[in-house]
Amino acid sequence: MLPTPEVVPFRLTRDLVHGLGPLGLQARFIPAAQAALEEFRQGADIILTLIQIYMGIAKIFQNVFNLSQCSCNISIVR
């Protein structure tokens, strides 16, 4: 276990950077990440709507099947 929990789903370790080839991050990773983030920003309303629908379905299943273990108390802040 790490002394500090991870905030991101993965770490961009040296092994991953070396696996990107001789140009490293500059060749494909950074431009692709920037393009993906820009698309996420432009589609934020759609993404938030889908998350709200998903959470609503999860709450319905929680109520119908009385799933006390399921924690679906997530609020979305815009």
Protein backbone atom coordinates (compact mmCIF):
# COMPACT_ATOMS: atom_id res chain seq x y z
CA MET A 1 0.00 0.00 0.00
CA LEU A 2 1.10 3.51 -0.71
CA PRO A 3 1.35 5.99 2.16
CA THR A 4 -0.85 8.38 0.14
CA PRO A 5 -3.78 6.94 -1.83
CA GLU A 6 -3.82 7.42 -5.60
CA VAL A 7 -5.94 10.27 -6.91
CA VAL A 8 -5.78 9.21 -10.56
CA PRO A 9 -6.56 5.76 -11.97
CA PHE A 10 -2.97 5.20 -13.07
CA ARG A 11 0.49 6.65 -12.76
CA LEU A 12 2.51 7.68 -15.77
CA THR A 13 5.62 5.86 -14.61
CA ARG A 14 8.97 5.81 -16.37
CA ASP A 15 8.15 2.36 -17.74
CA LEU A 16 5.01 3.68 -19.40
CA VAL A 17 6.81 6.74 -20.76
CA HIS A 18 9.63 4.58 -22.17
CA GLY A 19 7.01 2.35 -23.77
CA LEU A 20 5.76 5.31 -25.79
CA GLY A 21 8.93 5.29 -27.85
CA PRO A 22 11.83 7.67 -28.39
CA LEU A 23 9.65 10.79 -28.52
CA GLY A 24 7.96 9.89 -25.24
CA LEU A 25 5.00 11.99 -24.21
CA GLN A 26 5.37 14.66 -26.88
CA ALA A 27 4.67 12.41 -29.87
CA ARG A 28 1.18 11.07 -29.23
CA PHE A 29 0.22 10.99 -25.58
CA ILE A 30 -0.02 14.70 -24.76
CA PRO A 31 -1.87 15.69 -27.97
CA ALA A 32 -4.28 12.76 -27.54
CA ALA A 33 -4.88 13.60 -23.87
CA GLN A 34 -5.49 17.26 -24.72
CA ALA A 35 -7.93 16.34 -27.50
CA ALA A 36 -9.78 13.93 -25.19
CA LEU A 37 -10.07 16.54 -22.43
CA GLU A 38 -11.35 19.12 -24.91
CA GLU A 39 -14.02 16.68 -26.11
CA PHE A 40 -14.99 15.94 -22.50
CA ARG A 41 -15.34 19.67 -21.83
CA GLN A 42 -17.49 20.20 -24.92
CA GLY A 43 -19.69 17.21 -24.07
CA ALA A 44 -19.85 17.84 -20.32
CA ASP A 45 -23.64 18.30 -20.30
CA ILE A 46 -24.17 15.01 -22.12
CA ILE A 47 -21.73 13.17 -19.86
CA LEU A 48 -23.37 14.58 -16.71
CA THR A 49 -26.82 13.63 -18.03
CA LEU A 50 -25.68 10.06 -18.65
CA ILE A 51 -24.16 9.86 -15.17
CA GLN A 52 -27.39 11.15 -13.62
CA ILE A 53 -29.41 8.55 -15.57
CA TYR A 54 -27.04 5.80 -14.48
CA MET A 55 -27.25 6.89 -10.84
CA GLY A 56 -31.05 7.03 -11.08
CA ILE A 57 -31.15 3.46 -12.40
CA ALA A 58 -28.81 2.35 -9.62
CA LYS A 59 -31.12 3.91 -7.01
CA ILE A 60 -34.14 2.16 -8.55
CA PHE A 61 -32.36 -1.20 -8.34
CA GLN A 62 -31.30 -0.41 -4.79
CA ASN A 63 -34.91 0.27 -3.79
CA VAL A 64 -36.48 -2.61 -5.74
CA PHE A 65 -34.05 -5.26 -4.56
CA ASN A 66 -33.38 -3.65 -1.16
CA LEU A 67 -29.64 -3.64 -1.70
CA SER A 68 -28.39 -2.11 1.51
CA GLN A 69 -24.74 -2.71 0.54
CA CYS A 70 -25.02 -0.54 -2.58
CA SER A 71 -23.90 3.02 -1.92
CA CYS A 72 -25.51 5.26 -4.51
CA ASN A 73 -25.52 8.56 -2.63
CA ILE A 74 -23.52 10.52 -5.18
CA SER A 75 -24.50 14.07 -5.99
CA ILE A 76 -23.29 15.79 -9.13
CA VAL A 77 -22.18 19.39 -8.79
CA ARG A 78 -22.01 21.60 -11.85
